[in-house]
Amino acid sequence: LESVVAAVNGCLIEAPKYGLRSPEKELKAHDILQAIRRCSSIGGPKGRFWVLDPVDGTLGFVRGDQYAVALALIEDG
């Protein structure tokens, strides 16, 4: 968990380079876990929505190896 927290905060520090805001202080493990839990919705049967996996291959990311950013459009479930 410590390496994930370090990786998340490391990415957030870089956010201004890409025109994004970063938090004023580092996130704690509790904050990161709470954000992950908010993503546990099963969605709905109708409509369109985007799903973003910011780090597909977390272990590779933490190790400085290969990872991907995945974006998907879900339509009608």
C-alpha atoms as a PDB file:
ATOM      1  CA  LEU A   1       0.000   0.000   0.000  1.00  0.00           C
ATOM      2  CA  GLU A   2       2.867   2.371   0.777  1.00  0.00           C
ATOM      3  CA  SER A   3       4.263   2.069  -2.745  1.00  0.00           C
ATOM      4  CA  VAL A   4       0.821   2.770  -4.255  1.00  0.00           C
ATOM      5  CA  VAL A   5       0.406   5.861  -2.063  1.00  0.00           C
ATOM      6  CA  ALA A   6       3.880   7.042  -3.091  1.00  0.00           C
ATOM      7  CA  ALA A   7       3.097   6.424  -6.774  1.00  0.00           C
ATOM      8  CA  VAL A   8      -0.223   8.294  -6.609  1.00  0.00           C
ATOM      9  CA  ASN A   9       1.337  11.267  -4.846  1.00  0.00           C
ATOM     10  CA  GLY A  10       4.257  11.227  -7.276  1.00  0.00           C
ATOM     11  CA  CYS A  11       1.830  11.485 -10.183  1.00  0.00           C
ATOM     12  CA  LEU A  12      -0.176  14.232  -8.504  1.00  0.00           C
ATOM     13  CA  ILE A  13       2.959  16.326  -8.064  1.00  0.00           C
ATOM     14  CA  GLU A  14       3.435  16.174 -11.849  1.00  0.00           C
ATOM     15  CA  ALA A  15      -0.166  17.273 -12.580  1.00  0.00           C
ATOM     16  CA  PRO A  16       0.610  20.991 -13.152  1.00  0.00           C
ATOM     17  CA  LYS A  17       2.931  20.038 -16.030  1.00  0.00           C
ATOM     18  CA  TYR A  18      -0.192  18.847 -17.848  1.00  0.00           C
ATOM     19  CA  GLY A  19      -2.428  21.777 -16.946  1.00  0.00           C
ATOM     20  CA  LEU A  20      -4.093  19.996 -14.025  1.00  0.00           C
ATOM     21  CA  ARG A  21      -4.371  21.020 -10.398  1.00  0.00           C
ATOM     22  CA  SER A  22      -2.613  18.994  -7.757  1.00  0.00           C
ATOM     23  CA  PRO A  23      -3.696  18.771  -4.105  1.00  0.00           C
ATOM     24  CA  GLU A  24      -2.161  21.250  -1.682  1.00  0.00           C
ATOM     25  CA  LYS A  25      -0.798  18.377   0.425  1.00  0.00           C
ATOM     26  CA  GLU A  26       0.000  14.717  -0.160  1.00  0.00           C
ATOM     27  CA  LEU A  27      -2.897  12.285   0.016  1.00  0.00           C
ATOM     28  CA  LYS A  28      -2.949   9.757   2.838  1.00  0.00           C
ATOM     29  CA  ALA A  29      -3.629   6.051   2.284  1.00  0.00           C
ATOM     30  CA  HIS A  30      -7.154   6.548   3.664  1.00  0.00           C
ATOM     31  CA  ASP A  31      -7.909   9.233   1.053  1.00  0.00           C
ATOM     32  CA  ILE A  32      -6.681   7.057  -1.811  1.00  0.00           C
ATOM     33  CA  LEU A  33      -8.600   3.991  -0.625  1.00  0.00           C
ATOM     34  CA  GLN A  34     -11.749   6.092  -0.255  1.00  0.00           C
ATOM     35  CA  ALA A  35     -11.390   7.295  -3.865  1.00  0.00           C
ATOM     36  CA  ILE A  36     -10.946   3.710  -5.062  1.00  0.00           C
ATOM     37  CA  ARG A  37     -14.060   2.586  -3.169  1.00  0.00           C
ATOM     38  CA  ARG A  38     -16.143   5.289  -4.875  1.00  0.00           C
ATOM     39  CA  CYS A  39     -15.463   3.501  -8.157  1.00  0.00           C
ATOM     40  CA  SER A  40     -17.234   0.299  -7.137  1.00  0.00           C
ATOM     41  CA  SER A  41     -20.574   1.156  -8.766  1.00  0.00           C
ATOM     42  CA  ILE A  42     -22.067  -1.540 -10.985  1.00  0.00           C
ATOM     43  CA  GLY A  43     -23.358   1.070 -13.402  1.00  0.00           C
ATOM     44  CA  GLY A  44     -26.697   0.972 -15.133  1.00  0.00           C
ATOM     45  CA  PRO A  45     -28.289  -0.980 -17.952  1.00  0.00           C
ATOM     46  CA  LYS A  46     -28.909   2.002 -20.266  1.00  0.00           C
ATOM     47  CA  GLY A  47     -27.001   5.033 -21.432  1.00  0.00           C
ATOM     48  CA  ARG A  48     -23.425   5.897 -22.289  1.00  0.00           C
ATOM     49  CA  PHE A  49     -20.558   6.653 -19.943  1.00  0.00           C
ATOM     50  CA  TRP A  50     -16.784   6.742 -19.976  1.00  0.00           C
ATOM     51  CA  VAL A  51     -14.605   4.516 -17.815  1.00  0.00           C
ATOM     52  CA  LEU A  52     -11.013   5.535 -17.140  1.00  0.00           C
ATOM     53  CA  ASP A  53      -8.390   3.224 -15.667  1.00  0.00           C
ATOM     54  CA  PRO A  54      -5.604   5.720 -14.954  1.00  0.00           C
ATOM     55  CA  VAL A  55      -2.995   3.025 -14.327  1.00  0.00           C
ATOM     56  CA  ASP A  56      -3.676  -0.345 -15.963  1.00  0.00           C
ATOM     57  CA  GLY A  57      -0.736  -2.392 -14.770  1.00  0.00           C
ATOM     58  CA  THR A  58      -0.217  -0.857 -11.336  1.00  0.00           C
ATOM     59  CA  LEU A  59       2.672  -3.152 -10.468  1.00  0.00           C
ATOM     60  CA  GLY A  60       4.482  -2.205 -13.665  1.00  0.00           C
ATOM     61  CA  PHE A  61       3.865   1.471 -12.923  1.00  0.00           C
ATOM     62  CA  VAL A  62       5.159   1.220  -9.360  1.00  0.00           C
ATOM     63  CA  ARG A  63       8.264  -0.614 -10.583  1.00  0.00           C
ATOM     64  CA  GLY A  64       8.871   1.973 -13.301  1.00  0.00           C
ATOM     65  CA  ASP A  65       8.124  -0.654 -15.958  1.00  0.00           C
ATOM     66  CA  GLN A  66       5.357  -0.858 -18.569  1.00  0.00           C
ATOM     67  CA  TYR A  67       1.810   0.302 -17.828  1.00  0.00           C
ATOM     68  CA  ALA A  68      -1.097   1.760 -19.789  1.00  0.00           C
ATOM     69  CA  VAL A  69      -3.830   4.331 -19.397  1.00  0.00           C
ATOM     70  CA  ALA A  70      -7.122   2.765 -20.511  1.00  0.00           C
ATOM     71  CA  LEU A  71     -10.237   4.659 -21.604  1.00  0.00           C
ATOM     72  CA  ALA A  72     -13.484   2.924 -22.595  1.00  0.00           C
ATOM     73  CA  LEU A  73     -16.940   4.063 -23.671  1.00  0.00           C
ATOM     74  CA  ILE A  74     -19.681   1.852 -22.204  1.00  0.00           C
ATOM     75  CA  GLU A  75     -22.984   1.944 -24.059  1.00  0.00           C
ATOM     76  CA  ASP A  76     -26.174   0.386 -22.633  1.00  0.00           C
ATOM     77  CA  GLY A  77     -24.510  -1.649 -19.920  1.00  0.00           C
END
